Amino acid sequence: MELKVYNWEHFERDRTRYIVFLMIVLLVIILSILSNNIVWWIFVLLISGWYIFYLTKVDDTISMVIWTNSLQIDNIAFSWSSLKWFVLEYHLQKEKIYNIVIIDDKNNAKIFTLNDTNENIQNFVEELNNYIPMLEKYDQWTLDKFLRKIKL
């Protein structure tokens, strides 16, 4: 059984978000150059590079495959004993399931935005439920909630 998902959590962002980010980066670079503070300039360039890498990574579509002895996400296999639960996140405005969250035995959550048909999602969830239980909801850290709220 195979399911198509985005490589991590995919957020729909408008163009304004990118323009504001670019303006902030340019402002910090200009201020750091004017104040002869090269450390901030290098730091901003590193953060910008990381953000651009992150944006290109999350738009990739990968496969999540159920095998009898493991769950394969892209090219990494997770044994069933290392996984605890999974959770489905529902988008109220769009009235559809949009994320699947896989929680491992250390309570680390791996969030993937679904990129497949409703029928395939339903079949995948039913099959996955045979291997690990589904939770109705899970508690996130405050920082995770904040980052998801600002769509980072």
Foldseek 3Di string as FASTA:
>chain_A
DKFKWFQFADDDDDPVVVVVLVVVLVVQLVVCVVVVNVVSNVVSVVVVVVVVVVVVRRRDIAMWDDDPQFIDTRHDTDGLQQWAEKEWDADVVVGGTFWIWTATPVRDITIITGDDDPVVVVVVVVVVCVRHNYDHDDDDDPVVVVCVVVPD
